[in-house]
Amino acid sequence: LQNANITNANLVKANLSQSNFSKAI
């Protein structure tokens, strides 16, 4: 998810282990 725009997204109870949010919003 590098450089992704995740503004106001709903990730309740999601499994995102070992994911890459570097420089994401």
PDB file of all heavy atoms in Angstrom:
ATOM      1  N   LEU A   1       0.820  -1.208   0.000  1.00  0.00           N
ATOM      2  CA  LEU A   1       0.000   0.000   0.000  1.00  0.00           C
ATOM      3  C   LEU A   1       0.857   1.263   0.000  1.00  0.00           C
ATOM      4  O   LEU A   1       0.416   2.317   0.438  1.00  0.00           O
ATOM      5  CB  LEU A   1      -0.931  -0.013   1.212  1.00  0.00           C
ATOM      6  CG  LEU A   1      -2.112  -0.997   1.119  1.00  0.00           C
ATOM      7  CD1 LEU A   1      -2.537  -1.482   2.488  1.00  0.00           C
ATOM      8  CD2 LEU A   1      -3.280  -0.353   0.402  1.00  0.00           C
ATOM      9  N   GLN A   2       2.066   1.175  -0.508  1.00  0.00           N
ATOM     10  CA  GLN A   2       2.946   2.337  -0.554  1.00  0.00           C
ATOM     11  C   GLN A   2       2.303   3.464  -1.363  1.00  0.00           C
ATOM     12  O   GLN A   2       1.732   3.233  -2.438  1.00  0.00           O
ATOM     13  CB  GLN A   2       4.279   1.976  -1.207  1.00  0.00           C
ATOM     14  CG  GLN A   2       5.148   1.033  -0.414  1.00  0.00           C
ATOM     15  CD  GLN A   2       6.464   0.786  -1.120  1.00  0.00           C
ATOM     16  OE1 GLN A   2       7.374   1.615  -1.058  1.00  0.00           O
ATOM     17  NE2 GLN A   2       6.578  -0.337  -1.798  1.00  0.00           N
ATOM     18  N   ASN A   3       2.387   4.678  -0.820  1.00  0.00           N
ATOM     19  CA  ASN A   3       1.882   5.886  -1.497  1.00  0.00           C
ATOM     20  C   ASN A   3       0.388   5.848  -1.785  1.00  0.00           C
ATOM     21  O   ASN A   3      -0.114   6.652  -2.578  1.00  0.00           O
ATOM     22  CB  ASN A   3       2.643   6.126  -2.813  1.00  0.00           C
ATOM     23  CG  ASN A   3       4.117   6.408  -2.583  1.00  0.00           C
ATOM     24  OD1 ASN A   3       4.481   7.376  -1.938  1.00  0.00           O
ATOM     25  ND2 ASN A   3       4.963   5.530  -3.099  1.00  0.00           N
ATOM     26  N   ALA A   4      -0.340   4.939  -1.174  1.00  0.00           N
ATOM     27  CA  ALA A   4      -1.787   4.878  -1.388  1.00  0.00           C
ATOM     28  C   ALA A   4      -2.482   5.967  -0.571  1.00  0.00           C
ATOM     29  O   ALA A   4      -1.993   6.390   0.477  1.00  0.00           O
ATOM     30  CB  ALA A   4      -2.324   3.505  -0.991  1.00  0.00           C
ATOM     31  N   ASN A   5      -3.627   6.410  -1.051  1.00  0.00           N
ATOM     32  CA  ASN A   5      -4.456   7.374  -0.321  1.00  0.00           C
ATOM     33  C   ASN A   5      -5.590   6.601   0.329  1.00  0.00           C
ATOM     34  O   ASN A   5      -6.542   6.179  -0.333  1.00  0.00           O
ATOM     35  CB  ASN A   5      -5.000   8.443  -1.263  1.00  0.00           C
ATOM     36  CG  ASN A   5      -5.750   9.544  -0.513  1.00  0.00           C
ATOM     37  OD1 ASN A   5      -6.059   9.407   0.671  1.00  0.00           O
ATOM     38  ND2 ASN A   5      -6.046  10.626  -1.194  1.00  0.00           N
ATOM     39  N   ILE A   6      -5.484   6.404   1.652  1.00  0.00           N
ATOM     40  CA  ILE A   6      -6.438   5.573   2.385  1.00  0.00           C
ATOM     41  C   ILE A   6      -7.292   6.445   3.311  1.00  0.00           C
ATOM     42  O   ILE A   6      -7.850   6.006   4.304  1.00  0.00           O
ATOM     43  CB  ILE A   6      -5.683   4.475   3.172  1.00  0.00           C
ATOM     44  CG1 ILE A   6      -4.641   3.819   2.262  1.00  0.00           C
ATOM     45  CG2 ILE A   6      -6.617   3.384   3.689  1.00  0.00           C
ATOM     46  CD1 ILE A   6      -3.708   2.860   2.962  1.00  0.00           C
ATOM     47  N   THR A   7      -7.406   7.713   2.971  1.00  0.00           N
ATOM     48  CA  THR A   7      -8.131   8.676   3.794  1.00  0.00           C
ATOM     49  C   THR A   7      -9.555   8.198   4.074  1.00  0.00           C
ATOM     50  O   THR A   7     -10.295   7.825   3.165  1.00  0.00           O
ATOM     51  CB  THR A   7      -8.192  10.046   3.096  1.00  0.00           C
ATOM     52  OG1 THR A   7      -6.862  10.513   2.853  1.00  0.00           O
ATOM     53  CG2 THR A   7      -8.933  11.054   3.949  1.00  0.00           C
ATOM     54  N   ASN A   8      -9.905   8.199   5.359  1.00  0.00           N
ATOM     55  CA  ASN A   8     -11.275   7.926   5.796  1.00  0.00           C
ATOM     56  C   ASN A   8     -11.759   6.513   5.451  1.00  0.00           C
ATOM     57  O   ASN A   8     -12.967   6.245   5.451  1.00  0.00           O
ATOM     58  CB  ASN A   8     -12.247   8.956   5.203  1.00  0.00           C
ATOM     59  CG  ASN A   8     -13.472   9.171   6.072  1.00  0.00           C
ATOM     60  OD1 ASN A   8     -13.359   9.278   7.290  1.00  0.00           O
ATOM     61  ND2 ASN A   8     -14.638   9.215   5.464  1.00  0.00           N
ATOM     62  N   ALA A   9     -10.834   5.604   5.175  1.00  0.00           N
ATOM     63  CA  ALA A   9     -11.224   4.228   4.854  1.00  0.00           C
ATOM     64  C   ALA A   9     -11.571   3.459   6.127  1.00  0.00           C
ATOM     65  O   ALA A   9     -11.086   3.756   7.214  1.00  0.00           O
ATOM     66  CB  ALA A   9     -10.108   3.520   4.105  1.00  0.00           C
ATOM     67  N   ASN A  10     -12.415   2.434   5.970  1.00  0.00           N
ATOM     68  CA  ASN A  10     -12.837   1.589   7.080  1.00  0.00           C
ATOM     69  C   ASN A  10     -12.095   0.260   6.996  1.00  0.00           C
ATOM     70  O   ASN A  10     -12.336  -0.534   6.081  1.00  0.00           O
ATOM     71  CB  ASN A  10     -14.350   1.365   7.020  1.00  0.00           C
ATOM     72  CG  ASN A  10     -14.843   0.430   8.119  1.00  0.00           C
ATOM     73  OD1 ASN A  10     -14.086   0.051   9.009  1.00  0.00           O
ATOM     74  ND2 ASN A  10     -16.106   0.057   8.054  1.00  0.00           N
ATOM     75  N   LEU A  11     -11.175   0.035   7.956  1.00  0.00           N
ATOM     76  CA  LEU A  11     -10.412  -1.212   8.009  1.00  0.00           C
ATOM     77  C   LEU A  11     -10.625  -1.923   9.338  1.00  0.00           C
ATOM     78  O   LEU A  11      -9.756  -2.631   9.834  1.00  0.00           O
ATOM     79  CB  LEU A  11      -8.931  -0.939   7.771  1.00  0.00           C
ATOM     80  CG  LEU A  11      -8.637  -0.344   6.396  1.00  0.00           C
ATOM     81  CD1 LEU A  11      -8.186   1.105   6.509  1.00  0.00           C
ATOM     82  CD2 LEU A  11      -7.594  -1.150   5.640  1.00  0.00           C
ATOM     83  N   VAL A  12     -11.805  -1.767   9.905  1.00  0.00           N
ATOM     84  CA  VAL A  12     -12.136  -2.370  11.193  1.00  0.00           C
ATOM     85  C   VAL A  12     -12.007  -3.892  11.111  1.00  0.00           C
ATOM     86  O   VAL A  12     -12.546  -4.531  10.191  1.00  0.00           O
ATOM     87  CB  VAL A  12     -13.563  -1.984  11.619  1.00  0.00           C
ATOM     88  CG1 VAL A  12     -13.991  -2.762  12.856  1.00  0.00           C
ATOM     89  CG2 VAL A  12     -13.645  -0.483  11.877  1.00  0.00           C
ATOM     90  N   LYS A  13     -11.237  -4.454  12.031  1.00  0.00           N
ATOM     91  CA  LYS A  13     -11.052  -5.907  12.165  1.00  0.00           C
ATOM     92  C   LYS A  13     -10.421  -6.550  10.927  1.00  0.00           C
ATOM     93  O   LYS A  13     -10.509  -7.765  10.739  1.00  0.00           O
ATOM     94  CB  LYS A  13     -12.369  -6.599  12.508  1.00  0.00           C
ATOM     95  CG  LYS A  13     -12.952  -6.187  13.850  1.00  0.00           C
ATOM     96  CD  LYS A  13     -14.227  -6.960  14.171  1.00  0.00           C
ATOM     97  CE  LYS A  13     -14.782  -6.535  15.515  1.00  0.00           C
ATOM     98  NZ  LYS A  13     -16.043  -7.259  15.837  1.00  0.00           N
ATOM     99  N   ALA A  14      -9.791  -5.755  10.074  1.00  0.00           N
ATOM    100  CA  ALA A  14      -9.096  -6.326   8.914  1.00  0.00           C
ATOM    101  C   ALA A  14      -7.741  -6.896   9.348  1.00  0.00           C
ATOM    102  O   ALA A  14      -7.152  -6.456  10.335  1.00  0.00           O
ATOM    103  CB  ALA A  14      -8.896  -5.266   7.841  1.00  0.00           C
ATOM    104  N   ASN A  15      -7.264  -7.893   8.607  1.00  0.00           N
ATOM    105  CA  ASN A  15      -5.947  -8.470   8.875  1.00  0.00           C
ATOM    106  C   ASN A  15      -4.966  -7.926   7.854  1.00  0.00           C
ATOM    107  O   ASN A  15      -5.034  -8.259   6.669  1.00  0.00           O
ATOM    108  CB  ASN A  15      -6.003 -10.000   8.790  1.00  0.00           C
ATOM    109  CG  ASN A  15      -4.705 -10.642   9.260  1.00  0.00           C
ATOM    110  OD1 ASN A  15      -3.654 -10.011   9.292  1.00  0.00           O
ATOM    111  ND2 ASN A  15      -4.764 -11.908   9.631  1.00  0.00           N
ATOM    112  N   LEU A  16      -4.042  -7.055   8.321  1.00  0.00           N
ATOM    113  CA  LEU A  16      -3.077  -6.383   7.441  1.00  0.00           C
ATOM    114  C   LEU A  16      -1.650  -6.674   7.877  1.00  0.00           C
ATOM    115  O   LEU A  16      -0.755  -5.867   7.655  1.00  0.00           O
ATOM    116  CB  LEU A  16      -3.333  -4.880   7.445  1.00  0.00           C
ATOM    117  CG  LEU A  16      -4.692  -4.428   6.908  1.00  0.00           C
ATOM    118  CD1 LEU A  16      -5.435  -3.574   7.914  1.00  0.00           C
ATOM    119  CD2 LEU A  16      -4.528  -3.665   5.611  1.00  0.00           C
ATOM    120  N   SER A  17      -1.425  -7.811   8.479  1.00  0.00           N
ATOM    121  CA  SER A  17      -0.088  -8.121   8.975  1.00  0.00           C
ATOM    122  C   SER A  17       0.923  -8.162   7.836  1.00  0.00           C
ATOM    123  O   SER A  17       0.610  -8.563   6.716  1.00  0.00           O
ATOM    124  CB  SER A  17      -0.102  -9.471   9.713  1.00  0.00           C
ATOM    125  OG  SER A  17      -0.508 -10.506   8.851  1.00  0.00           O
ATOM    126  N   GLN A  18       2.125  -7.685   8.129  1.00  0.00           N
ATOM    127  CA  GLN A  18       3.250  -7.674   7.197  1.00  0.00           C
ATOM    128  C   GLN A  18       2.961  -6.864   5.927  1.00  0.00           C
ATOM    129  O   GLN A  18       3.498  -7.145   4.858  1.00  0.00           O
ATOM    130  CB  GLN A  18       3.650  -9.105   6.823  1.00  0.00           C
ATOM    131  CG  GLN A  18       4.148  -9.908   8.024  1.00  0.00           C
ATOM    132  CD  GLN A  18       4.574 -11.307   7.644  1.00  0.00           C
ATOM    133  OE1 GLN A  18       3.783 -12.074   7.123  1.00  0.00           O
ATOM    134  NE2 GLN A  18       5.827 -11.634   7.898  1.00  0.00           N
ATOM    135  N   SER A  19       2.114  -5.839   6.051  1.00  0.00           N
ATOM    136  CA  SER A  19       1.802  -4.989   4.900  1.00  0.00           C
ATOM    137  C   SER A  19       2.655  -3.730   4.906  1.00  0.00           C
ATOM    138  O   SER A  19       3.216  -3.342   5.923  1.00  0.00           O
ATOM    139  CB  SER A  19       0.313  -4.633   4.900  1.00  0.00           C
ATOM    140  OG  SER A  19      -0.468  -5.784   4.623  1.00  0.00           O
ATOM    141  N   ASN A  20       2.734  -3.086   3.748  1.00  0.00           N
ATOM    142  CA  ASN A  20       3.610  -1.926   3.581  1.00  0.00           C
ATOM    143  C   ASN A  20       2.781  -0.674   3.328  1.00  0.00           C
ATOM    144  O   ASN A  20       2.168  -0.532   2.265  1.00  0.00           O
ATOM    145  CB  ASN A  20       4.575  -2.163   2.414  1.00  0.00           C
ATOM    146  CG  ASN A  20       5.654  -1.097   2.321  1.00  0.00           C
ATOM    147  OD1 ASN A  20       5.585  -0.068   3.001  1.00  0.00           O
ATOM    148  ND2 ASN A  20       6.642  -1.325   1.486  1.00  0.00           N
ATOM    149  N   PHE A  21       2.750   0.227   4.331  1.00  0.00           N
ATOM    150  CA  PHE A  21       2.034   1.500   4.233  1.00  0.00           C
ATOM    151  C   PHE A  21       2.996   2.676   4.080  1.00  0.00           C
ATOM    152  O   PHE A  21       2.623   3.818   4.330  1.00  0.00           O
ATOM    153  CB  PHE A  21       1.199   1.733   5.496  1.00  0.00           C
ATOM    154  CG  PHE A  21       0.085   0.749   5.714  1.00  0.00           C
ATOM    155  CD1 PHE A  21       0.298  -0.408   6.443  1.00  0.00           C
ATOM    156  CD2 PHE A  21      -1.181   0.981   5.201  1.00  0.00           C
ATOM    157  CE1 PHE A  21      -0.721  -1.317   6.666  1.00  0.00           C
ATOM    158  CE2 PHE A  21      -2.218   0.087   5.415  1.00  0.00           C
ATOM    159  CZ  PHE A  21      -1.987  -1.068   6.147  1.00  0.00           C
ATOM    160  N   SER A  22       4.226   2.436   3.694  1.00  0.00           N
ATOM    161  CA  SER A  22       5.220   3.507   3.623  1.00  0.00           C
ATOM    162  C   SER A  22       4.737   4.653   2.730  1.00  0.00           C
ATOM    163  O   SER A  22       4.271   4.436   1.614  1.00  0.00           O
ATOM    164  CB  SER A  22       6.546   2.969   3.073  1.00  0.00           C
ATOM    165  OG  SER A  22       7.077   2.001   3.943  1.00  0.00           O
ATOM    166  N   LYS A  23       4.818   5.866   3.269  1.00  0.00           N
ATOM    167  CA  LYS A  23       4.424   7.111   2.575  1.00  0.00           C
ATOM    168  C   LYS A  23       2.944   7.137   2.184  1.00  0.00           C
ATOM    169  O   LYS A  23       2.532   7.971   1.370  1.00  0.00           O
ATOM    170  CB  LYS A  23       5.303   7.345   1.346  1.00  0.00           C
ATOM    171  CG  LYS A  23       6.780   7.530   1.675  1.00  0.00           C
ATOM    172  CD  LYS A  23       7.593   7.842   0.426  1.00  0.00           C
ATOM    173  CE  LYS A  23       9.062   8.028   0.758  1.00  0.00           C
ATOM    174  NZ  LYS A  23       9.867   8.326  -0.443  1.00  0.00           N
ATOM    175  N   ALA A  24       2.143   6.259   2.757  1.00  0.00           N
ATOM    176  CA  ALA A  24       0.702   6.274   2.475  1.00  0.00           C
ATOM    177  C   ALA A  24       0.016   7.361   3.293  1.00  0.00           C
ATOM    178  O   ALA A  24       0.521   7.798   4.332  1.00  0.00           O
ATOM    179  CB  ALA A  24       0.082   4.923   2.796  1.00  0.00           C
ATOM    180  N   ILE A  25      -1.144   7.812   2.819  1.00  0.00           N
ATOM    181  CA  ILE A  25      -1.961   8.781   3.545  1.00  0.00           C
ATOM    182  C   ILE A  25      -3.078   8.011   4.241  1.00  0.00           C
ATOM    183  O   ILE A  25      -3.967   7.468   3.592  1.00  0.00           O
ATOM    184  CB  ILE A  25      -2.543   9.844   2.600  1.00  0.00           C
ATOM    185  CG1 ILE A  25      -1.432  10.582   1.855  1.00  0.00           C
ATOM    186  CG2 ILE A  25      -3.405  10.841   3.379  1.00  0.00           C
ATOM    187  CD1 ILE A  25      -1.937  11.526   0.773  1.00  0.00           C
TER     188      ILE A  25
END
